[in-house]
């Protein structure tokens, strides 16, 4: 992980710790190339967590927006999910 990415996760963890009471509902948002395997990979990462998952395809069909509302136990669990999904080629985390 490069320094910029590492700094981002440190800031995010601090912000989450200071602005929420944990465990808490967290909304993940991702933009994924509209490849069924990639979208499924993102959805499966939350499959056993009781998440509410909504997907919306872009007008051109090239990308799919994936919004996931799920109960997370602490800021580190949120960071861990982002890092787990960072390996999906072309994913953008919002």
PDB file of N, CA and C in Angstrom:
ATOM      1  N   UNK A   1       0.855  -1.176   0.000  1.00  0.00           N
ATOM      2  CA  UNK A   1       0.000   0.000   0.000  1.00  0.00           C
ATOM      3  C   UNK A   1       0.899   1.237   0.000  1.00  0.00           C
ATOM      4  N   UNK A   2       0.585   2.181  -0.887  1.00  0.00           N
ATOM      5  CA  UNK A   2       1.416   3.376  -0.950  1.00  0.00           C
ATOM      6  C   UNK A   2       1.079   4.333   0.205  1.00  0.00           C
ATOM      7  N   UNK A   3       1.948   5.310   0.407  1.00  0.00           N
ATOM      8  CA  UNK A   3       1.828   6.249   1.534  1.00  0.00           C
ATOM      9  C   UNK A   3       0.518   7.049   1.475  1.00  0.00           C
ATOM     10  N   UNK A   4       0.128   7.474   0.290  1.00  0.00           N
ATOM     11  CA  UNK A   4      -1.098   8.262   0.131  1.00  0.00           C
ATOM     12  C   UNK A   4      -2.322   7.451   0.562  1.00  0.00           C
ATOM     13  N   UNK A   5      -2.390   6.201   0.140  1.00  0.00           N
ATOM     14  CA  UNK A   5      -3.502   5.328   0.497  1.00  0.00           C
ATOM     15  C   UNK A   5      -3.500   5.042   1.993  1.00  0.00           C
ATOM     16  N   UNK A   6      -2.332   4.799   2.532  1.00  0.00           N
ATOM     17  CA  UNK A   6      -2.198   4.540   3.970  1.00  0.00           C
ATOM     18  C   UNK A   6      -2.673   5.745   4.777  1.00  0.00           C
ATOM     19  N   UNK A   7      -2.284   6.946   4.367  1.00  0.00           N
ATOM     20  CA  UNK A   7      -2.713   8.174   5.044  1.00  0.00           C
ATOM     21  C   UNK A   7      -4.230   8.347   4.960  1.00  0.00           C
ATOM     22  N   UNK A   8      -4.818   8.012   3.798  1.00  0.00           N
ATOM     23  CA  UNK A   8      -6.263   8.099   3.638  1.00  0.00           C
ATOM     24  C   UNK A   8      -6.976   7.206   4.656  1.00  0.00           C
ATOM     25  N   UNK A   9      -6.522   5.977   4.794  1.00  0.00           N
ATOM     26  CA  UNK A   9      -7.164   5.049   5.734  1.00  0.00           C
ATOM     27  C   UNK A   9      -6.991   5.495   7.187  1.00  0.00           C
ATOM     28  N   UNK A  10      -5.862   6.074   7.512  1.00  0.00           N
ATOM     29  CA  UNK A  10      -5.645   6.596   8.872  1.00  0.00           C
ATOM     30  C   UNK A  10      -6.621   7.726   9.163  1.00  0.00           C
ATOM     31  N   UNK A  11      -6.768   8.662   8.211  1.00  0.00           N
ATOM     32  CA  UNK A  11      -7.705   9.779   8.386  1.00  0.00           C
ATOM     33  C   UNK A  11      -9.152   9.287   8.468  1.00  0.00           C
ATOM     34  N   UNK A  12      -9.506   8.341   7.617  1.00  0.00           N
ATOM     35  CA  UNK A  12     -10.862   7.802   7.625  1.00  0.00           C
ATOM     36  C   UNK A  12     -11.169   7.131   8.959  1.00  0.00           C
ATOM     37  N   UNK A  13     -10.240   6.356   9.461  1.00  0.00           N
ATOM     38  CA  UNK A  13     -10.447   5.666  10.739  1.00  0.00           C
ATOM     39  C   UNK A  13     -10.650   6.672  11.869  1.00  0.00           C
ATOM     40  N   UNK A  14      -9.843   7.723  11.896  1.00  0.00           N
ATOM     41  CA  UNK A  14      -9.978   8.750  12.925  1.00  0.00           C
ATOM     42  C   UNK A  14     -11.328   9.459  12.813  1.00  0.00           C
ATOM     43  N   UNK A  15     -11.720   9.793  11.592  1.00  0.00           N
ATOM     44  CA  UNK A  15     -12.992  10.484  11.369  1.00  0.00           C
ATOM     45  C   UNK A  15     -14.170   9.604  11.795  1.00  0.00           C
ATOM     46  N   UNK A  16     -14.130   8.341  11.425  1.00  0.00           N
ATOM     47  CA  UNK A  16     -15.204   7.423  11.806  1.00  0.00           C
ATOM     48  C   UNK A  16     -15.275   7.254  13.325  1.00  0.00           C
ATOM     49  N   UNK A  17     -14.128   7.158  13.965  1.00  0.00           N
ATOM     50  CA  UNK A  17     -14.079   6.974  15.420  1.00  0.00           C
ATOM     51  C   UNK A  17     -14.644   8.189  16.147  1.00  0.00           C
ATOM     52  N   UNK A  18     -14.397   9.375  15.602  1.00  0.00           N
ATOM     53  CA  UNK A  18     -14.822  10.610  16.255  1.00  0.00           C
ATOM     54  C   UNK A  18     -16.264  11.017  15.948  1.00  0.00           C
ATOM     55  N   UNK A  19     -16.827  10.523  14.861  1.00  0.00           N
ATOM     56  CA  UNK A  19     -18.134  11.002  14.426  1.00  0.00           C
ATOM     57  C   UNK A  19     -19.270   9.990  14.523  1.00  0.00           C
ATOM     58  N   UNK A  20     -19.004   8.815  15.061  1.00  0.00           N
ATOM     59  CA  UNK A  20     -20.045   7.792  15.145  1.00  0.00           C
ATOM     60  C   UNK A  20     -19.916   7.013  16.437  1.00  0.00           C
ATOM     61  N   UNK A  21     -21.028   6.428  16.843  1.00  0.00           N
ATOM     62  CA  UNK A  21     -21.027   5.519  17.984  1.00  0.00           C
ATOM     63  C   UNK A  21     -21.056   4.112  17.398  1.00  0.00           C
ATOM     64  N   UNK A  22     -20.168   3.256  17.864  1.00  0.00           N
ATOM     65  CA  UNK A  22     -20.028   1.918  17.286  1.00  0.00           C
ATOM     66  C   UNK A  22     -20.536   0.868  18.241  1.00  0.00           C
ATOM     67  N   UNK A  23     -21.148  -0.203  17.726  1.00  0.00           N
ATOM     68  CA  UNK A  23     -21.404  -0.525  16.324  1.00  0.00           C
ATOM     69  C   UNK A  23     -22.404   0.440  15.710  1.00  0.00           C
ATOM     70  N   UNK A  24     -22.318   0.575  14.380  1.00  0.00           N
ATOM     71  CA  UNK A  24     -23.129   1.562  13.682  1.00  0.00           C
ATOM     72  C   UNK A  24     -23.454   1.087  12.265  1.00  0.00           C
ATOM     73  N   UNK A  25     -24.548   1.613  11.728  1.00  0.00           N
ATOM     74  CA  UNK A  25     -24.899   1.364  10.333  1.00  0.00           C
ATOM     75  C   UNK A  25     -23.955   2.199   9.469  1.00  0.00           C
ATOM     76  N   UNK A  26     -23.382   1.581   8.436  1.00  0.00           N
ATOM     77  CA  UNK A  26     -22.454   2.289   7.560  1.00  0.00           C
ATOM     78  C   UNK A  26     -22.888   2.064   6.116  1.00  0.00           C
ATOM     79  N   UNK A  27     -22.796   3.112   5.303  1.00  0.00           N
ATOM     80  CA  UNK A  27     -23.163   3.022   3.899  1.00  0.00           C
ATOM     81  C   UNK A  27     -21.902   3.020   3.034  1.00  0.00           C
ATOM     82  N   UNK A  28     -21.633   1.875   2.441  1.00  0.00           N
ATOM     83  CA  UNK A  28     -20.533   1.751   1.484  1.00  0.00           C
ATOM     84  C   UNK A  28     -21.077   2.086   0.106  1.00  0.00           C
ATOM     85  N   UNK A  29     -20.278   2.793  -0.695  1.00  0.00           N
ATOM     86  CA  UNK A  29     -20.656   3.078  -2.078  1.00  0.00           C
ATOM     87  C   UNK A  29     -19.461   2.773  -2.976  1.00  0.00           C
ATOM     88  N   UNK A  30     -19.744   2.021  -4.014  1.00  0.00           N
ATOM     89  CA  UNK A  30     -18.710   1.623  -4.962  1.00  0.00           C
ATOM     90  C   UNK A  30     -19.213   1.836  -6.381  1.00  0.00           C
ATOM     91  N   UNK A  31     -18.290   2.156  -7.278  1.00  0.00           N
ATOM     92  CA  UNK A  31     -18.546   2.167  -8.707  1.00  0.00           C
ATOM     93  C   UNK A  31     -17.680   1.037  -9.264  1.00  0.00           C
ATOM     94  N   UNK A  32     -18.329   0.121  -9.985  1.00  0.00           N
ATOM     95  CA  UNK A  32     -17.637  -1.067 -10.478  1.00  0.00           C
ATOM     96  C   UNK A  32     -17.910  -1.197 -11.976  1.00  0.00           C
ATOM     97  N   UNK A  33     -16.899  -1.573 -12.772  1.00  0.00           N
ATOM     98  CA  UNK A  33     -17.188  -1.862 -14.174  1.00  0.00           C
ATOM     99  C   UNK A  33     -18.302  -2.908 -14.245  1.00  0.00           C
ATOM    100  N   UNK A  34     -19.226  -2.754 -15.193  1.00  0.00           N
ATOM    101  CA  UNK A  34     -20.387  -3.649 -15.290  1.00  0.00           C
ATOM    102  C   UNK A  34     -19.994  -5.023 -15.810  1.00  0.00           C
ATOM    103  N   UNK A  35     -19.249  -5.715 -15.009  1.00  0.00           N
ATOM    104  CA  UNK A  35     -18.848  -7.091 -15.263  1.00  0.00           C
ATOM    105  C   UNK A  35     -19.511  -7.896 -14.148  1.00  0.00           C
ATOM    106  N   UNK A  36     -20.340  -8.854 -14.506  1.00  0.00           N
ATOM    107  CA  UNK A  36     -21.122  -9.609 -13.513  1.00  0.00           C
ATOM    108  C   UNK A  36     -20.238 -10.195 -12.413  1.00  0.00           C
ATOM    109  N   UNK A  37     -19.065 -10.657 -12.760  1.00  0.00           N
ATOM    110  CA  UNK A  37     -18.160 -11.253 -11.778  1.00  0.00           C
ATOM    111  C   UNK A  37     -17.686 -10.217 -10.768  1.00  0.00           C
ATOM    112  N   UNK A  38     -17.370  -9.014 -11.234  1.00  0.00           N
ATOM    113  CA  UNK A  38     -16.881  -7.967 -10.345  1.00  0.00           C
ATOM    114  C   UNK A  38     -17.987  -7.470  -9.412  1.00  0.00           C
ATOM    115  N   UNK A  39     -19.178  -7.266  -9.959  1.00  0.00           N
ATOM    116  CA  UNK A  39     -20.312  -6.829  -9.139  1.00  0.00           C
ATOM    117  C   UNK A  39     -20.634  -7.901  -8.103  1.00  0.00           C
ATOM    118  N   UNK A  40     -20.618  -9.153  -8.520  1.00  0.00           N
ATOM    119  CA  UNK A  40     -20.894 -10.276  -7.621  1.00  0.00           C
ATOM    120  C   UNK A  40     -19.838 -10.370  -6.517  1.00  0.00           C
ATOM    121  N   UNK A  41     -18.593 -10.095  -6.839  1.00  0.00           N
ATOM    122  CA  UNK A  41     -17.531 -10.124  -5.837  1.00  0.00           C
ATOM    123  C   UNK A  41     -17.804  -9.107  -4.733  1.00  0.00           C
ATOM    124  N   UNK A  42     -18.221  -7.905  -5.128  1.00  0.00           N
ATOM    125  CA  UNK A  42     -18.537  -6.859  -4.155  1.00  0.00           C
ATOM    126  C   UNK A  42     -19.733  -7.297  -3.308  1.00  0.00           C
ATOM    127  N   UNK A  43     -20.783  -7.776  -3.943  1.00  0.00           N
ATOM    128  CA  UNK A  43     -21.977  -8.203  -3.206  1.00  0.00           C
ATOM    129  C   UNK A  43     -21.652  -9.355  -2.251  1.00  0.00           C
ATOM    130  N   UNK A  44     -20.873 -10.323  -2.705  1.00  0.00           N
ATOM    131  CA  UNK A  44     -20.541 -11.485  -1.880  1.00  0.00           C
ATOM    132  C   UNK A  44     -19.718 -11.132  -0.645  1.00  0.00           C
ATOM    133  N   UNK A  45     -18.975 -10.035  -0.707  1.00  0.00           N
ATOM    134  CA  UNK A  45     -18.167  -9.615   0.441  1.00  0.00           C
ATOM    135  C   UNK A  45     -19.049  -9.239   1.632  1.00  0.00           C
ATOM    136  N   UNK A  46     -20.314  -8.929   1.358  1.00  0.00           N
ATOM    137  CA  UNK A  46     -21.244  -8.516   2.412  1.00  0.00           C
ATOM    138  C   UNK A  46     -22.388  -9.520   2.597  1.00  0.00           C
ATOM    139  N   UNK A  47     -22.327 -10.633   1.880  1.00  0.00           N
ATOM    140  CA  UNK A  47     -23.421 -11.592   1.791  1.00  0.00           C
ATOM    141  C   UNK A  47     -23.902 -12.129   3.141  1.00  0.00           C
ATOM    142  N   UNK A  48     -23.015 -12.425   4.049  1.00  0.00           N
ATOM    143  CA  UNK A  48     -23.396 -13.040   5.321  1.00  0.00           C
ATOM    144  C   UNK A  48     -23.568 -12.026   6.446  1.00  0.00           C
ATOM    145  N   UNK A  49     -23.612 -10.746   6.097  1.00  0.00           N
ATOM    146  CA  UNK A  49     -23.644  -9.698   7.122  1.00  0.00           C
ATOM    147  C   UNK A  49     -25.014  -9.043   7.281  1.00  0.00           C
ATOM    148  N   UNK A  50     -26.020  -9.524   6.578  1.00  0.00           N
ATOM    149  CA  UNK A  50     -27.345  -8.924   6.666  1.00  0.00           C
ATOM    150  C   UNK A  50     -27.421  -7.552   6.017  1.00  0.00           C
ATOM    151  N   UNK A  51     -26.627  -7.344   4.998  1.00  0.00           N
ATOM    152  CA  UNK A  51     -26.555  -6.042   4.320  1.00  0.00           C
ATOM    153  C   UNK A  51     -27.729  -5.834   3.377  1.00  0.00           C
ATOM    154  N   UNK A  52     -28.097  -4.562   3.206  1.00  0.00           N
ATOM    155  CA  UNK A  52     -29.071  -4.166   2.187  1.00  0.00           C
ATOM    156  C   UNK A  52     -28.245  -3.640   1.015  1.00  0.00           C
ATOM    157  N   UNK A  53     -28.374  -4.314  -0.126  1.00  0.00           N
ATOM    158  CA  UNK A  53     -27.548  -3.989  -1.287  1.00  0.00           C
ATOM    159  C   UNK A  53     -28.426  -3.491  -2.430  1.00  0.00           C
ATOM    160  N   UNK A  54     -28.061  -2.330  -2.979  1.00  0.00           N
ATOM    161  CA  UNK A  54     -28.761  -1.763  -4.134  1.00  0.00           C
ATOM    162  C   UNK A  54     -27.752  -1.546  -5.253  1.00  0.00           C
ATOM    163  N   UNK A  55     -28.114  -1.956  -6.460  1.00  0.00           N
ATOM    164  CA  UNK A  55     -27.240  -1.729  -7.608  1.00  0.00           C
ATOM    165  C   UNK A  55     -27.997  -0.933  -8.662  1.00  0.00           C
ATOM    166  N   UNK A  56     -27.270  -0.057  -9.334  1.00  0.00           N
ATOM    167  CA  UNK A  56     -27.828   0.752 -10.413  1.00  0.00           C
ATOM    168  C   UNK A  56     -26.805   0.819 -11.529  1.00  0.00           C
ATOM    169  N   UNK A  57     -27.215   0.450 -12.723  1.00  0.00           N
ATOM    170  CA  UNK A  57     -26.309   0.505 -13.862  1.00  0.00           C
ATOM    171  C   UNK A  57     -26.314   1.908 -14.464  1.00  0.00           C
ATOM    172  N   UNK A  58     -25.161   2.348 -14.948  1.00  0.00           N
ATOM    173  CA  UNK A  58     -25.066   3.669 -15.584  1.00  0.00           C
ATOM    174  C   UNK A  58     -25.859   3.672 -16.889  1.00  0.00           C
ATOM    175  N   UNK A  59     -26.126   4.866 -17.402  1.00  0.00           N
ATOM    176  CA  UNK A  59     -26.899   5.000 -18.646  1.00  0.00           C
ATOM    177  C   UNK A  59     -26.241   4.254 -19.807  1.00  0.00           C
ATOM    178  N   UNK A  60     -24.930   4.299 -19.861  1.00  0.00           N
ATOM    179  CA  UNK A  60     -24.215   3.629 -20.954  1.00  0.00           C
ATOM    180  C   UNK A  60     -24.025   2.139 -20.688  1.00  0.00           C
ATOM    181  N   UNK A  61     -24.250   1.717 -19.444  1.00  0.00           N
ATOM    182  CA  UNK A  61     -24.089   0.307 -19.096  1.00  0.00           C
ATOM    183  C   UNK A  61     -22.664  -0.115 -18.806  1.00  0.00           C
ATOM    184  N   UNK A  62     -21.733   0.831 -18.847  1.00  0.00           N
ATOM    185  CA  UNK A  62     -20.327   0.498 -18.621  1.00  0.00           C
ATOM    186  C   UNK A  62     -20.002   0.293 -17.138  1.00  0.00           C
ATOM    187  N   UNK A  63     -20.757   0.946 -16.267  1.00  0.00           N
ATOM    188  CA  UNK A  63     -20.473   0.890 -14.829  1.00  0.00           C
ATOM    189  C   UNK A  63     -21.736   0.561 -14.037  1.00  0.00           C
ATOM    190  N   UNK A  64     -21.515   0.007 -12.861  1.00  0.00           N
ATOM    191  CA  UNK A  64     -22.607  -0.285 -11.945  1.00  0.00           C
ATOM    192  C   UNK A  64     -22.283   0.347 -10.599  1.00  0.00           C
ATOM    193  N   UNK A  65     -23.247   1.083 -10.061  1.00  0.00           N
ATOM    194  CA  UNK A  65     -23.130   1.661  -8.728  1.00  0.00           C
ATOM    195  C   UNK A  65     -23.655   0.629  -7.733  1.00  0.00           C
ATOM    196  N   UNK A  66     -22.877   0.347  -6.709  1.00  0.00           N
ATOM    197  CA  UNK A  66     -23.291  -0.605  -5.680  1.00  0.00           C
ATOM    198  C   UNK A  66     -23.293   0.126  -4.340  1.00  0.00           C
ATOM    199  N   UNK A  67     -24.480   0.236  -3.725  1.00  0.00           N
ATOM    200  CA  UNK A  67     -24.629   0.863  -2.410  1.00  0.00           C
ATOM    201  C   UNK A  67     -24.978  -0.235  -1.414  1.00  0.00           C
ATOM    202  N   UNK A  68     -24.254  -0.264  -0.303  1.00  0.00           N
ATOM    203  CA  UNK A  68     -24.429  -1.323   0.676  1.00  0.00           C
ATOM    204  C   UNK A  68     -24.566  -0.708   2.059  1.00  0.00           C
ATOM    205  N   UNK A  69     -25.717  -0.923   2.673  1.00  0.00           N
ATOM    206  CA  UNK A  69     -25.962  -0.449   4.028  1.00  0.00           C
ATOM    207  C   UNK A  69     -25.858  -1.658   4.955  1.00  0.00           C
ATOM    208  N   UNK A  70     -24.950  -1.573   5.916  1.00  0.00           N
ATOM    209  CA  UNK A  70     -24.680  -2.733   6.767  1.00  0.00           C
ATOM    210  C   UNK A  70     -24.206  -2.287   8.149  1.00  0.00           C
ATOM    211  N   UNK A  71     -24.518  -3.078   9.146  1.00  0.00           N
ATOM    212  CA  UNK A  71     -24.066  -2.822  10.514  1.00  0.00           C
ATOM    213  C   UNK A  71     -22.593  -3.218  10.624  1.00  0.00           C
ATOM    214  N   UNK A  72     -21.768  -2.275  11.045  1.00  0.00           N
ATOM    215  CA  UNK A  72     -20.332  -2.542  11.215  1.00  0.00           C
ATOM    216  C   UNK A  72     -19.985  -2.368  12.687  1.00  0.00           C
ATOM    217  N   UNK A  73     -19.047  -3.196  13.175  1.00  0.00           N
ATOM    218  CA  UNK A  73     -18.761  -3.180  14.614  1.00  0.00           C
ATOM    219  C   UNK A  73     -17.844  -2.051  15.056  1.00  0.00           C
ATOM    220  N   UNK A  74     -16.957  -1.594  14.172  1.00  0.00           N
ATOM    221  CA  UNK A  74     -16.044  -0.509  14.539  1.00  0.00           C
ATOM    222  C   UNK A  74     -15.379   0.065  13.285  1.00  0.00           C
ATOM    223  N   UNK A  75     -14.670   1.197  13.427  1.00  0.00           N
ATOM    224  CA  UNK A  75     -14.017   1.805  12.264  1.00  0.00           C
ATOM    225  C   UNK A  75     -13.027   0.871  11.561  1.00  0.00           C
ATOM    226  N   UNK A  76     -12.325   0.031  12.317  1.00  0.00           N
ATOM    227  CA  UNK A  76     -11.357  -0.880  11.686  1.00  0.00           C
ATOM    228  C   UNK A  76     -12.057  -1.886  10.778  1.00  0.00           C
ATOM    229  N   UNK A  77     -13.260  -2.318  11.149  1.00  0.00           N
ATOM    230  CA  UNK A  77     -14.017  -3.247  10.306  1.00  0.00           C
ATOM    231  C   UNK A  77     -14.381  -2.596   8.974  1.00  0.00           C
ATOM    232  N   UNK A  78     -14.681  -1.297   8.993  1.00  0.00           N
ATOM    233  CA  UNK A  78     -14.983  -0.549   7.764  1.00  0.00           C
ATOM    234  C   UNK A  78     -13.735  -0.505   6.878  1.00  0.00           C
ATOM    235  N   UNK A  79     -12.604  -0.152   7.473  1.00  0.00           N
ATOM    236  CA  UNK A  79     -11.333  -0.083   6.736  1.00  0.00           C
ATOM    237  C   UNK A  79     -11.009  -1.455   6.142  1.00  0.00           C
ATOM    238  N   UNK A  80     -11.187  -2.513   6.933  1.00  0.00           N
ATOM    239  CA  UNK A  80     -10.882  -3.868   6.459  1.00  0.00           C
ATOM    240  C   UNK A  80     -11.703  -4.221   5.221  1.00  0.00           C
ATOM    241  N   UNK A  81     -12.986  -3.830   5.189  1.00  0.00           N
ATOM    242  CA  UNK A  81     -13.839  -4.111   4.026  1.00  0.00           C
ATOM    243  C   UNK A  81     -13.345  -3.361   2.794  1.00  0.00           C
ATOM    244  N   UNK A  82     -12.999  -2.075   2.971  1.00  0.00           N
ATOM    245  CA  UNK A  82     -12.475  -1.307   1.844  1.00  0.00           C
ATOM    246  C   UNK A  82     -11.203  -1.961   1.299  1.00  0.00           C
ATOM    247  N   UNK A  83     -10.329  -2.387   2.180  1.00  0.00           N
ATOM    248  CA  UNK A  83      -9.071  -3.003   1.751  1.00  0.00           C
ATOM    249  C   UNK A  83      -9.314  -4.356   1.091  1.00  0.00           C
ATOM    250  N   UNK A  84     -10.275  -5.108   1.610  1.00  0.00           N
ATOM    251  CA  UNK A  84     -10.625  -6.403   1.020  1.00  0.00           C
ATOM    252  C   UNK A  84     -11.081  -6.238  -0.428  1.00  0.00           C
ATOM    253  N   UNK A  85     -11.854  -5.189  -0.687  1.00  0.00           N
ATOM    254  CA  UNK A  85     -12.415  -4.992  -2.024  1.00  0.00           C
ATOM    255  C   UNK A  85     -11.503  -4.204  -2.956  1.00  0.00           C
ATOM    256  N   UNK A  86     -10.438  -3.637  -2.437  1.00  0.00           N
ATOM    257  CA  UNK A  86      -9.506  -2.856  -3.268  1.00  0.00           C
ATOM    258  C   UNK A  86      -8.870  -3.709  -4.366  1.00  0.00           C
ATOM    259  N   UNK A  87      -8.918  -5.022  -4.223  1.00  0.00           N
ATOM    260  CA  UNK A  87      -8.306  -5.908  -5.228  1.00  0.00           C
ATOM    261  C   UNK A  87      -9.191  -6.096  -6.459  1.00  0.00           C
ATOM    262  N   UNK A  88     -10.452  -5.654  -6.400  1.00  0.00           N
ATOM    263  CA  UNK A  88     -11.356  -5.763  -7.548  1.00  0.00           C
ATOM    264  C   UNK A  88     -10.883  -4.756  -8.603  1.00  0.00           C
ATOM    265  N   UNK A  89     -10.529  -5.247  -9.771  1.00  0.00           N
ATOM    266  CA  UNK A  89      -9.986  -4.391 -10.813  1.00  0.00           C
ATOM    267  C   UNK A  89     -11.009  -3.358 -11.268  1.00  0.00           C
ATOM    268  N   UNK A  90     -10.618  -2.075 -11.245  1.00  0.00           N
ATOM    269  CA  UNK A  90     -11.452  -0.997 -11.722  1.00  0.00           C
ATOM    270  C   UNK A  90     -12.435  -0.440 -10.708  1.00  0.00           C
ATOM    271  N   UNK A  91     -12.446  -0.965  -9.482  1.00  0.00           N
ATOM    272  CA  UNK A  91     -13.397  -0.490  -8.475  1.00  0.00           C
ATOM    273  C   UNK A  91     -13.019   0.909  -8.003  1.00  0.00           C
ATOM    274  N   UNK A  92     -14.038   1.720  -7.762  1.00  0.00           N
ATOM    275  CA  UNK A  92     -13.854   3.050  -7.186  1.00  0.00           C
ATOM    276  C   UNK A  92     -14.675   3.084  -5.902  1.00  0.00           C
ATOM    277  N   UNK A  93     -14.011   3.367  -4.786  1.00  0.00           N
ATOM    278  CA  UNK A  93     -14.692   3.462  -3.491  1.00  0.00           C
ATOM    279  C   UNK A  93     -15.031   4.910  -3.229  1.00  0.00           C
ATOM    280  N   UNK A  94     -16.280   5.166  -2.861  1.00  0.00           N
ATOM    281  CA  UNK A  94     -16.712   6.534  -2.588  1.00  0.00           C
ATOM    282  C   UNK A  94     -16.959   6.719  -1.108  1.00  0.00           C
TER     283      UNK A  94
END
